[in-house]
Amino acid sequence: MLLGCLWGAQLVRELNWEWCEIHFDDGLDVALVSPARDMVIFPFTFINSCLEKQVVCTVELSFNILIERTPEYDTGSYLNLMDYVHHIVPPYTLERET
């Protein structure tokens, strides 16, 4: 929860994104949306998924991409940005205990 809040606070402060609720047929989720509503990030869901699956988290990569050059999509499309942010070469290898 704290990592999602921190990530969200940085997006709000640096890029003027906003917190909102996104409603789905089967419920709702807390999200961050870009000013044009072309991109959305679900910070709590994304970080929880990374922790559960023990995979490399791309939060820092996504933030750096957005700071360097904000991609633009159709206004109001609410594209889930994290579906498209992947490391070509992971920054490190997660070691798992067996």
PDB file of N, CA and C in Angstrom:
ATOM      1  N   MET A   1       0.831  -1.187   0.000  1.00  0.00           N
ATOM      2  CA  MET A   1       0.000   0.000   0.000  1.00  0.00           C
ATOM      3  C   MET A   1       0.875   1.249   0.000  1.00  0.00           C
ATOM      4  N   LEU A   2       1.909   1.245   0.841  1.00  0.00           N
ATOM      5  CA  LEU A   2       2.785   2.419   0.935  1.00  0.00           C
ATOM      6  C   LEU A   2       3.554   2.665  -0.357  1.00  0.00           C
ATOM      7  N   LEU A   3       4.015   1.602  -1.000  1.00  0.00           N
ATOM      8  CA  LEU A   3       4.734   1.766  -2.266  1.00  0.00           C
ATOM      9  C   LEU A   3       3.825   2.351  -3.347  1.00  0.00           C
ATOM     10  N   GLY A   4       2.577   1.913  -3.385  1.00  0.00           N
ATOM     11  CA  GLY A   4       1.610   2.455  -4.337  1.00  0.00           C
ATOM     12  C   GLY A   4       1.331   3.922  -4.074  1.00  0.00           C
ATOM     13  N   CYS A   5       1.221   4.289  -2.803  1.00  0.00           N
ATOM     14  CA  CYS A   5       1.000   5.700  -2.431  1.00  0.00           C
ATOM     15  C   CYS A   5       2.187   6.563  -2.831  1.00  0.00           C
ATOM     16  N   LEU A   6       3.385   6.074  -2.585  1.00  0.00           N
ATOM     17  CA  LEU A   6       4.595   6.819  -2.934  1.00  0.00           C
ATOM     18  C   LEU A   6       4.694   7.029  -4.441  1.00  0.00           C
ATOM     19  N   TRP A   7       4.471   5.971  -5.205  1.00  0.00           N
ATOM     20  CA  TRP A   7       4.498   6.044  -6.659  1.00  0.00           C
ATOM     21  C   TRP A   7       3.461   7.057  -7.143  1.00  0.00           C
ATOM     22  N   GLY A   8       2.261   6.959  -6.607  1.00  0.00           N
ATOM     23  CA  GLY A   8       1.194   7.878  -6.991  1.00  0.00           C
ATOM     24  C   GLY A   8       1.507   9.314  -6.637  1.00  0.00           C
ATOM     25  N   ALA A   9       2.056   9.538  -5.459  1.00  0.00           N
ATOM     26  CA  ALA A   9       2.401  10.898  -5.041  1.00  0.00           C
ATOM     27  C   ALA A   9       3.424  11.524  -5.987  1.00  0.00           C
ATOM     28  N   GLN A  10       4.358  10.717  -6.460  1.00  0.00           N
ATOM     29  CA  GLN A  10       5.363  11.223  -7.401  1.00  0.00           C
ATOM     30  C   GLN A  10       4.732  11.587  -8.746  1.00  0.00           C
ATOM     31  N   LEU A  11       3.812  10.763  -9.224  1.00  0.00           N
ATOM     32  CA  LEU A  11       3.130  11.066 -10.486  1.00  0.00           C
ATOM     33  C   LEU A  11       2.286  12.336 -10.361  1.00  0.00           C
ATOM     34  N   VAL A  12       1.636  12.510  -9.232  1.00  0.00           N
ATOM     35  CA  VAL A  12       0.837  13.717  -8.996  1.00  0.00           C
ATOM     36  C   VAL A  12       1.742  14.944  -8.955  1.00  0.00           C
ATOM     37  N   ARG A  13       2.832  14.852  -8.203  1.00  0.00           N
ATOM     38  CA  ARG A  13       3.726  16.000  -8.025  1.00  0.00           C
ATOM     39  C   ARG A  13       4.469  16.373  -9.304  1.00  0.00           C
ATOM     40  N   GLU A  14       4.998  15.388  -9.998  1.00  0.00           N
ATOM     41  CA  GLU A  14       5.858  15.666 -11.153  1.00  0.00           C
ATOM     42  C   GLU A  14       5.103  15.831 -12.472  1.00  0.00           C
ATOM     43  N   LEU A  15       3.968  15.135 -12.626  1.00  0.00           N
ATOM     44  CA  LEU A  15       3.308  15.102 -13.931  1.00  0.00           C
ATOM     45  C   LEU A  15       1.850  15.554 -13.911  1.00  0.00           C
ATOM     46  N   ASN A  16       1.398  16.022 -12.742  1.00  0.00           N
ATOM     47  CA  ASN A  16       0.012  16.503 -12.597  1.00  0.00           C
ATOM     48  C   ASN A  16      -1.038  15.420 -12.853  1.00  0.00           C
ATOM     49  N   TRP A  17      -0.684  14.167 -12.596  1.00  0.00           N
ATOM     50  CA  TRP A  17      -1.672  13.101 -12.688  1.00  0.00           C
ATOM     51  C   TRP A  17      -2.623  13.235 -11.508  1.00  0.00           C
ATOM     52  N   GLU A  18      -3.762  12.560 -11.555  1.00  0.00           N
ATOM     53  CA  GLU A  18      -4.766  12.648 -10.501  1.00  0.00           C
ATOM     54  C   GLU A  18      -5.204  11.257 -10.053  1.00  0.00           C
ATOM     55  N   TRP A  19      -5.540  11.162  -8.760  1.00  0.00           N
ATOM     56  CA  TRP A  19      -6.119   9.940  -8.224  1.00  0.00           C
ATOM     57  C   TRP A  19      -7.587   9.874  -8.639  1.00  0.00           C
ATOM     58  N   CYS A  20      -8.089   8.680  -8.914  1.00  0.00           N
ATOM     59  CA  CYS A  20      -9.511   8.517  -9.211  1.00  0.00           C
ATOM     60  C   CYS A  20      -9.912   7.067  -8.982  1.00  0.00           C
ATOM     61  N   GLU A  21     -11.192   6.806  -9.071  1.00  0.00           N
ATOM     62  CA  GLU A  21     -11.715   5.448  -9.035  1.00  0.00           C
ATOM     63  C   GLU A  21     -12.128   5.085 -10.454  1.00  0.00           C
ATOM     64  N   ILE A  22     -11.720   3.916 -10.904  1.00  0.00           N
ATOM     65  CA  ILE A  22     -12.133   3.412 -12.206  1.00  0.00           C
ATOM     66  C   ILE A  22     -13.145   2.305 -11.950  1.00  0.00           C
ATOM     67  N   HIS A  23     -14.326   2.440 -12.529  1.00  0.00           N
ATOM     68  CA  HIS A  23     -15.396   1.463 -12.326  1.00  0.00           C
ATOM     69  C   HIS A  23     -15.406   0.447 -13.466  1.00  0.00           C
ATOM     70  N   PHE A  24     -15.464  -0.815 -13.072  1.00  0.00           N
ATOM     71  CA  PHE A  24     -15.546  -1.937 -14.000  1.00  0.00           C
ATOM     72  C   PHE A  24     -16.871  -2.650 -13.767  1.00  0.00           C
ATOM     73  N   ASP A  25     -17.214  -3.565 -14.644  1.00  0.00           N
ATOM     74  CA  ASP A  25     -18.446  -4.341 -14.468  1.00  0.00           C
ATOM     75  C   ASP A  25     -18.433  -5.129 -13.162  1.00  0.00           C
ATOM     76  N   ASP A  26     -17.243  -5.596 -12.752  1.00  0.00           N
ATOM     77  CA  ASP A  26     -17.153  -6.431 -11.557  1.00  0.00           C
ATOM     78  C   ASP A  26     -16.604  -5.693 -10.335  1.00  0.00           C
ATOM     79  N   GLY A  27     -16.576  -4.374 -10.358  1.00  0.00           N
ATOM     80  CA  GLY A  27     -16.104  -3.622  -9.194  1.00  0.00           C
ATOM     81  C   GLY A  27     -15.390  -2.355  -9.597  1.00  0.00           C
ATOM     82  N   LEU A  28     -14.513  -1.896  -8.716  1.00  0.00           N
ATOM     83  CA  LEU A  28     -13.755  -0.687  -8.995  1.00  0.00           C
ATOM     84  C   LEU A  28     -12.343  -0.827  -8.480  1.00  0.00           C
ATOM     85  N   ASP A  29     -11.467   0.060  -8.937  1.00  0.00           N
ATOM     86  CA  ASP A  29     -10.065   0.054  -8.518  1.00  0.00           C
ATOM     87  C   ASP A  29      -9.605   1.496  -8.419  1.00  0.00           C
ATOM     88  N   VAL A  30      -8.710   1.760  -7.500  1.00  0.00           N
ATOM     89  CA  VAL A  30      -8.113   3.085  -7.364  1.00  0.00           C
ATOM     90  C   VAL A  30      -7.001   3.203  -8.385  1.00  0.00           C
ATOM     91  N   ALA A  31      -6.961   4.331  -9.069  1.00  0.00           N
ATOM     92  CA  ALA A  31      -6.005   4.506 -10.158  1.00  0.00           C
ATOM     93  C   ALA A  31      -5.459   5.923 -10.178  1.00  0.00           C
ATOM     94  N   LEU A  32      -4.421   6.086 -10.971  1.00  0.00           N
ATOM     95  CA  LEU A  32      -3.892   7.407 -11.307  1.00  0.00           C
ATOM     96  C   LEU A  32      -4.136   7.602 -12.792  1.00  0.00           C
ATOM     97  N   VAL A  33      -4.580   8.799 -13.161  1.00  0.00           N
ATOM     98  CA  VAL A  33      -4.844   9.083 -14.567  1.00  0.00           C
ATOM     99  C   VAL A  33      -4.070  10.326 -14.990  1.00  0.00           C
ATOM    100  N   SER A  34      -3.653  10.309 -16.249  1.00  0.00           N
ATOM    101  CA  SER A  34      -2.951  11.459 -16.812  1.00  0.00           C
ATOM    102  C   SER A  34      -3.945  12.599 -17.033  1.00  0.00           C
ATOM    103  N   PRO A  35      -3.447  13.826 -17.167  1.00  0.00           N
ATOM    104  CA  PRO A  35      -4.353  14.966 -17.362  1.00  0.00           C
ATOM    105  C   PRO A  35      -5.295  14.804 -18.555  1.00  0.00           C
ATOM    106  N   ALA A  36      -4.843  14.186 -19.637  1.00  0.00           N
ATOM    107  CA  ALA A  36      -5.683  13.996 -20.827  1.00  0.00           C
ATOM    108  C   ALA A  36      -6.533  12.731 -20.728  1.00  0.00           C
ATOM    109  N   ARG A  37      -6.390  12.003 -19.636  1.00  0.00           N
ATOM    110  CA  ARG A  37      -7.099  10.744 -19.450  1.00  0.00           C
ATOM    111  C   ARG A  37      -6.779   9.736 -20.555  1.00  0.00           C
ATOM    112  N   ASP A  38      -5.590   9.865 -21.125  1.00  0.00           N
ATOM    113  CA  ASP A  38      -5.178   8.902 -22.151  1.00  0.00           C
ATOM    114  C   ASP A  38      -4.443   7.721 -21.543  1.00  0.00           C
ATOM    115  N   MET A  39      -3.911   7.890 -20.336  1.00  0.00           N
ATOM    116  CA  MET A  39      -3.184   6.812 -19.664  1.00  0.00           C
ATOM    117  C   MET A  39      -3.702   6.642 -18.242  1.00  0.00           C
ATOM    118  N   VAL A  40      -3.629   5.410 -17.761  1.00  0.00           N
ATOM    119  CA  VAL A  40      -4.034   5.085 -16.403  1.00  0.00           C
ATOM    120  C   VAL A  40      -3.023   4.102 -15.822  1.00  0.00           C
ATOM    121  N   ILE A  41      -2.798   4.207 -14.531  1.00  0.00           N
ATOM    122  CA  ILE A  41      -1.947   3.265 -13.796  1.00  0.00           C
ATOM    123  C   ILE A  41      -2.703   2.858 -12.539  1.00  0.00           C
ATOM    124  N   PHE A  42      -2.722   1.563 -12.259  1.00  0.00           N
ATOM    125  CA  PHE A  42      -3.343   1.033 -11.055  1.00  0.00           C
ATOM    126  C   PHE A  42      -2.213   0.658 -10.089  1.00  0.00           C
ATOM    127  N   PRO A  43      -1.744   1.600  -9.272  1.00  0.00           N
ATOM    128  CA  PRO A  43      -0.524   1.368  -8.493  1.00  0.00           C
ATOM    129  C   PRO A  43      -0.620   0.237  -7.477  1.00  0.00           C
ATOM    130  N   PHE A  44      -1.728   0.143  -6.771  1.00  0.00           N
ATOM    131  CA  PHE A  44      -1.838  -0.882  -5.729  1.00  0.00           C
ATOM    132  C   PHE A  44      -1.947  -2.271  -6.340  1.00  0.00           C
ATOM    133  N   THR A  45      -2.735  -2.402  -7.376  1.00  0.00           N
ATOM    134  CA  THR A  45      -2.890  -3.684  -8.063  1.00  0.00           C
ATOM    135  C   THR A  45      -1.583  -4.121  -8.698  1.00  0.00           C
ATOM    136  N   PHE A  46      -0.881  -3.176  -9.346  1.00  0.00           N
ATOM    137  CA  PHE A  46       0.360  -3.512 -10.032  1.00  0.00           C
ATOM    138  C   PHE A  46       1.446  -3.950  -9.049  1.00  0.00           C
ATOM    139  N   ILE A  47       1.661  -3.193  -8.002  1.00  0.00           N
ATOM    140  CA  ILE A  47       2.720  -3.543  -7.047  1.00  0.00           C
ATOM    141  C   ILE A  47       2.388  -4.843  -6.320  1.00  0.00           C
ATOM    142  N   ASN A  48       1.142  -5.025  -5.954  1.00  0.00           N
ATOM    143  CA  ASN A  48       0.743  -6.274  -5.310  1.00  0.00           C
ATOM    144  C   ASN A  48       1.021  -7.469  -6.218  1.00  0.00           C
ATOM    145  N   SER A  49       0.724  -7.324  -7.487  1.00  0.00           N
ATOM    146  CA  SER A  49       0.977  -8.397  -8.454  1.00  0.00           C
ATOM    147  C   SER A  49       2.472  -8.709  -8.562  1.00  0.00           C
ATOM    148  N   CYS A  50       3.298  -7.665  -8.608  1.00  0.00           N
ATOM    149  CA  CYS A  50       4.757  -7.878  -8.675  1.00  0.00           C
ATOM    150  C   CYS A  50       5.268  -8.620  -7.447  1.00  0.00           C
ATOM    151  N   LEU A  51       4.770  -8.245  -6.279  1.00  0.00           N
ATOM    152  CA  LEU A  51       5.213  -8.896  -5.042  1.00  0.00           C
ATOM    153  C   LEU A  51       4.741 -10.351  -4.980  1.00  0.00           C
ATOM    154  N   GLU A  52       3.498 -10.584  -5.355  1.00  0.00           N
ATOM    155  CA  GLU A  52       2.974 -11.952  -5.325  1.00  0.00           C
ATOM    156  C   GLU A  52       3.708 -12.866  -6.297  1.00  0.00           C
ATOM    157  N   LYS A  53       4.000 -12.364  -7.487  1.00  0.00           N
ATOM    158  CA  LYS A  53       4.641 -13.181  -8.518  1.00  0.00           C
ATOM    159  C   LYS A  53       6.165 -13.176  -8.417  1.00  0.00           C
ATOM    160  N   GLN A  54       6.700 -12.327  -7.540  1.00  0.00           N
ATOM    161  CA  GLN A  54       8.141 -12.172  -7.352  1.00  0.00           C
ATOM    162  C   GLN A  54       8.835 -11.893  -8.682  1.00  0.00           C
ATOM    163  N   VAL A  55       8.348 -10.874  -9.371  1.00  0.00           N
ATOM    164  CA  VAL A  55       8.923 -10.462 -10.648  1.00  0.00           C
ATOM    165  C   VAL A  55       9.553  -9.077 -10.504  1.00  0.00           C
ATOM    166  N   VAL A  56      10.398  -8.732 -11.458  1.00  0.00           N
ATOM    167  CA  VAL A  56      11.030  -7.421 -11.471  1.00  0.00           C
ATOM    168  C   VAL A  56       9.942  -6.366 -11.668  1.00  0.00           C
ATOM    169  N   CYS A  57       9.910  -5.415 -10.786  1.00  0.00           N
ATOM    170  CA  CYS A  57       8.902  -4.360 -10.824  1.00  0.00           C
ATOM    171  C   CYS A  57       9.384  -3.222 -11.735  1.00  0.00           C
ATOM    172  N   THR A  58       8.521  -2.733 -12.608  1.00  0.00           N
ATOM    173  CA  THR A  58       8.911  -1.715 -13.590  1.00  0.00           C
ATOM    174  C   THR A  58       8.420  -0.316 -13.218  1.00  0.00           C
ATOM    175  N   VAL A  59       8.199  -0.072 -11.940  1.00  0.00           N
ATOM    176  CA  VAL A  59       7.736   1.241 -11.495  1.00  0.00           C
ATOM    177  C   VAL A  59       8.755   2.320 -11.834  1.00  0.00           C
ATOM    178  N   GLU A  60      10.005   2.105 -11.489  1.00  0.00           N
ATOM    179  CA  GLU A  60      11.040   3.115 -11.770  1.00  0.00           C
ATOM    180  C   GLU A  60      11.189   3.327 -13.275  1.00  0.00           C
ATOM    181  N   LEU A  61      11.168   2.261 -14.043  1.00  0.00           N
ATOM    182  CA  LEU A  61      11.275   2.372 -15.489  1.00  0.00           C
ATOM    183  C   LEU A  61      10.119   3.199 -16.057  1.00  0.00           C
ATOM    184  N   SER A  62       8.904   2.919 -15.624  1.00  0.00           N
ATOM    185  CA  SER A  62       7.747   3.668 -16.134  1.00  0.00           C
ATOM    186  C   SER A  62       7.836   5.141 -15.762  1.00  0.00           C
ATOM    187  N   PHE A  63       8.271   5.430 -14.549  1.00  0.00           N
ATOM    188  CA  PHE A  63       8.403   6.820 -14.109  1.00  0.00           C
ATOM    189  C   PHE A  63       9.444   7.544 -14.963  1.00  0.00           C
ATOM    190  N   ASN A  64      10.573   6.895 -15.193  1.00  0.00           N
ATOM    191  CA  ASN A  64      11.625   7.512 -16.014  1.00  0.00           C
ATOM    192  C   ASN A  64      11.157   7.742 -17.453  1.00  0.00           C
ATOM    193  N   ILE A  65      10.395   6.813 -17.990  1.00  0.00           N
ATOM    194  CA  ILE A  65       9.846   6.991 -19.339  1.00  0.00           C
ATOM    195  C   ILE A  65       8.938   8.209 -19.374  1.00  0.00           C
ATOM    196  N   LEU A  66       8.074   8.330 -18.395  1.00  0.00           N
ATOM    197  CA  LEU A  66       7.132   9.451 -18.369  1.00  0.00           C
ATOM    198  C   LEU A  66       7.834  10.795 -18.142  1.00  0.00           C
ATOM    199  N   ILE A  67       8.898  10.810 -17.356  1.00  0.00           N
ATOM    200  CA  ILE A  67       9.647  12.049 -17.116  1.00  0.00           C
ATOM    201  C   ILE A  67      10.393  12.468 -18.380  1.00  0.00           C
ATOM    202  N   GLU A  68      10.996  11.497 -19.060  1.00  0.00           N
ATOM    203  CA  GLU A  68      11.782  11.801 -20.261  1.00  0.00           C
ATOM    204  C   GLU A  68      10.913  12.297 -21.414  1.00  0.00           C
ATOM    205  N   ARG A  69       9.861  11.600 -21.675  1.00  0.00           N
ATOM    206  CA  ARG A  69       8.983  11.960 -22.780  1.00  0.00           C
ATOM    207  C   ARG A  69       7.644  11.268 -22.578  1.00  0.00           C
ATOM    208  N   THR A  70       6.639  12.052 -22.324  1.00  0.00           N
ATOM    209  CA  THR A  70       5.332  11.481 -22.087  1.00  0.00           C
ATOM    210  C   THR A  70       4.724  10.996 -23.399  1.00  0.00           C
ATOM    211  N   PRO A  71       4.453   9.696 -23.499  1.00  0.00           N
ATOM    212  CA  PRO A  71       3.780   9.209 -24.702  1.00  0.00           C
ATOM    213  C   PRO A  71       2.367   9.780 -24.765  1.00  0.00           C
ATOM    214  N   GLU A  72       1.844   9.937 -25.943  1.00  0.00           N
ATOM    215  CA  GLU A  72       0.496  10.472 -26.098  1.00  0.00           C
ATOM    216  C   GLU A  72      -0.384   9.461 -26.823  1.00  0.00           C
ATOM    217  N   TYR A  73      -1.544   9.245 -26.267  1.00  0.00           N
ATOM    218  CA  TYR A  73      -2.530   8.341 -26.845  1.00  0.00           C
ATOM    219  C   TYR A  73      -3.821   9.136 -27.022  1.00  0.00           C
ATOM    220  N   ASP A  74      -4.843   8.504 -27.517  1.00  0.00           N
ATOM    221  CA  ASP A  74      -6.115   9.185 -27.735  1.00  0.00           C
ATOM    222  C   ASP A  74      -6.680   9.696 -26.412  1.00  0.00           C
ATOM    223  N   THR A  75      -7.096  10.950 -26.386  1.00  0.00           N
ATOM    224  CA  THR A  75      -7.685  11.549 -25.190  1.00  0.00           C
ATOM    225  C   THR A  75      -8.867  10.703 -24.733  1.00  0.00           C
ATOM    226  N   GLY A  76      -8.890  10.421 -23.435  1.00  0.00           N
ATOM    227  CA  GLY A  76      -9.980   9.645 -22.858  1.00  0.00           C
ATOM    228  C   GLY A  76      -9.909   8.151 -23.090  1.00  0.00           C
ATOM    229  N   SER A  77      -8.782   7.645 -23.596  1.00  0.00           N
ATOM    230  CA  SER A  77      -8.679   6.210 -23.887  1.00  0.00           C
ATOM    231  C   SER A  77      -8.330   5.372 -22.657  1.00  0.00           C
ATOM    232  N   TYR A  78      -7.815   5.987 -21.615  1.00  0.00           N
ATOM    233  CA  TYR A  78      -7.478   5.287 -20.373  1.00  0.00           C
ATOM    234  C   TYR A  78      -6.645   4.024 -20.618  1.00  0.00           C
ATOM    235  N   LEU A  79      -5.603   4.140 -21.408  1.00  0.00           N
ATOM    236  CA  LEU A  79      -4.717   3.020 -21.705  1.00  0.00           C
ATOM    237  C   LEU A  79      -3.916   2.670 -20.455  1.00  0.00           C
ATOM    238  N   ASN A  80      -3.924   1.405 -20.063  1.00  0.00           N
ATOM    239  CA  ASN A  80      -3.159   0.966 -18.894  1.00  0.00           C
ATOM    240  C   ASN A  80      -1.677   0.924 -19.277  1.00  0.00           C
ATOM    241  N   LEU A  81      -0.954   1.952 -18.902  1.00  0.00           N
ATOM    242  CA  LEU A  81       0.441   2.112 -19.295  1.00  0.00           C
ATOM    243  C   LEU A  81       1.308   0.922 -18.890  1.00  0.00           C
ATOM    244  N   MET A  82       1.052   0.348 -17.726  1.00  0.00           N
ATOM    245  CA  MET A  82       1.929  -0.706 -17.216  1.00  0.00           C
ATOM    246  C   MET A  82       1.823  -2.000 -18.020  1.00  0.00           C
ATOM    247  N   ASP A  83       0.824  -2.118 -18.868  1.00  0.00           N
ATOM    248  CA  ASP A  83       0.747  -3.278 -19.761  1.00  0.00           C
ATOM    249  C   ASP A  83       1.835  -3.223 -20.834  1.00  0.00           C
ATOM    250  N   TYR A  84       2.439  -2.049 -21.011  1.00  0.00           N
ATOM    251  CA  TYR A  84       3.398  -1.843 -22.103  1.00  0.00           C
ATOM    252  C   TYR A  84       4.807  -1.502 -21.640  1.00  0.00           C
ATOM    253  N   VAL A  85       5.054  -1.482 -20.341  1.00  0.00           N
ATOM    254  CA  VAL A  85       6.378  -1.132 -19.823  1.00  0.00           C
ATOM    255  C   VAL A  85       7.081  -2.400 -19.370  1.00  0.00           C
ATOM    256  N   HIS A  86       8.125  -2.772 -20.126  1.00  0.00           N
ATOM    257  CA  HIS A  86       8.887  -3.987 -19.823  1.00  0.00           C
ATOM    258  C   HIS A  86      10.369  -3.699 -19.998  1.00  0.00           C
ATOM    259  N   HIS A  87      11.187  -4.364 -19.199  1.00  0.00           N
ATOM    260  CA  HIS A  87      12.640  -4.282 -19.371  1.00  0.00           C
ATOM    261  C   HIS A  87      13.041  -5.173 -20.542  1.00  0.00           C
ATOM    262  N   ILE A  88      13.890  -4.660 -21.401  1.00  0.00           N
ATOM    263  CA  ILE A  88      14.449  -5.511 -22.457  1.00  0.00           C
ATOM    264  C   ILE A  88      15.433  -6.475 -21.810  1.00  0.00           C
ATOM    265  N   VAL A  89      16.268  -5.942 -20.930  1.00  0.00           N
ATOM    266  CA  VAL A  89      17.176  -6.738 -20.117  1.00  0.00           C
ATOM    267  C   VAL A  89      16.888  -6.363 -18.670  1.00  0.00           C
ATOM    268  N   PRO A  90      16.455  -7.303 -17.841  1.00  0.00           N
ATOM    269  CA  PRO A  90      16.165  -6.976 -16.449  1.00  0.00           C
ATOM    270  C   PRO A  90      17.374  -6.342 -15.761  1.00  0.00           C
ATOM    271  N   PRO A  91      17.133  -5.369 -14.879  1.00  0.00           N
ATOM    272  CA  PRO A  91      18.240  -4.693 -14.208  1.00  0.00           C
ATOM    273  C   PRO A  91      19.012  -5.603 -13.263  1.00  0.00           C
ATOM    274  N   TYR A  92      18.380  -6.682 -12.835  1.00  0.00           N
ATOM    275  CA  TYR A  92      19.017  -7.675 -11.978  1.00  0.00           C
ATOM    276  C   TYR A  92      18.180  -8.945 -12.030  1.00  0.00           C
ATOM    277  N   THR A  93      18.720 -10.018 -11.529  1.00  0.00           N
ATOM    278  CA  THR A  93      18.009 -11.282 -11.500  1.00  0.00           C
ATOM    279  C   THR A  93      17.513 -11.531 -10.084  1.00  0.00           C
ATOM    280  N   LEU A  94      16.243 -11.830  -9.957  1.00  0.00           N
ATOM    281  CA  LEU A  94      15.693 -12.174  -8.657  1.00  0.00           C
ATOM    282  C   LEU A  94      16.100 -13.607  -8.317  1.00  0.00           C
ATOM    283  N   GLU A  95      16.699 -13.772  -7.173  1.00  0.00           N
ATOM    284  CA  GLU A  95      17.090 -15.110  -6.752  1.00  0.00           C
ATOM    285  C   GLU A  95      16.024 -15.654  -5.828  1.00  0.00           C
ATOM    286  N   ARG A  96      15.581 -16.831  -6.112  1.00  0.00           N
ATOM    287  CA  ARG A  96      14.551 -17.454  -5.296  1.00  0.00           C
ATOM    288  C   ARG A  96      15.153 -18.601  -4.501  1.00  0.00           C
ATOM    289  N   GLU A  97      14.705 -18.687  -3.264  1.00  0.00           N
ATOM    290  CA  GLU A  97      15.154 -19.806  -2.430  1.00  0.00           C
ATOM    291  C   GLU A  97      14.342 -21.038  -2.795  1.00  0.00           C
ATOM    292  N   THR A  98      15.002 -22.167  -2.833  1.00  0.00           N
ATOM    293  CA  THR A  98      14.269 -23.408  -3.142  1.00  0.00           C
ATOM    294  C   THR A  98      14.108 -24.263  -1.922  1.00  0.00           C
TER     295      THR A  98
END
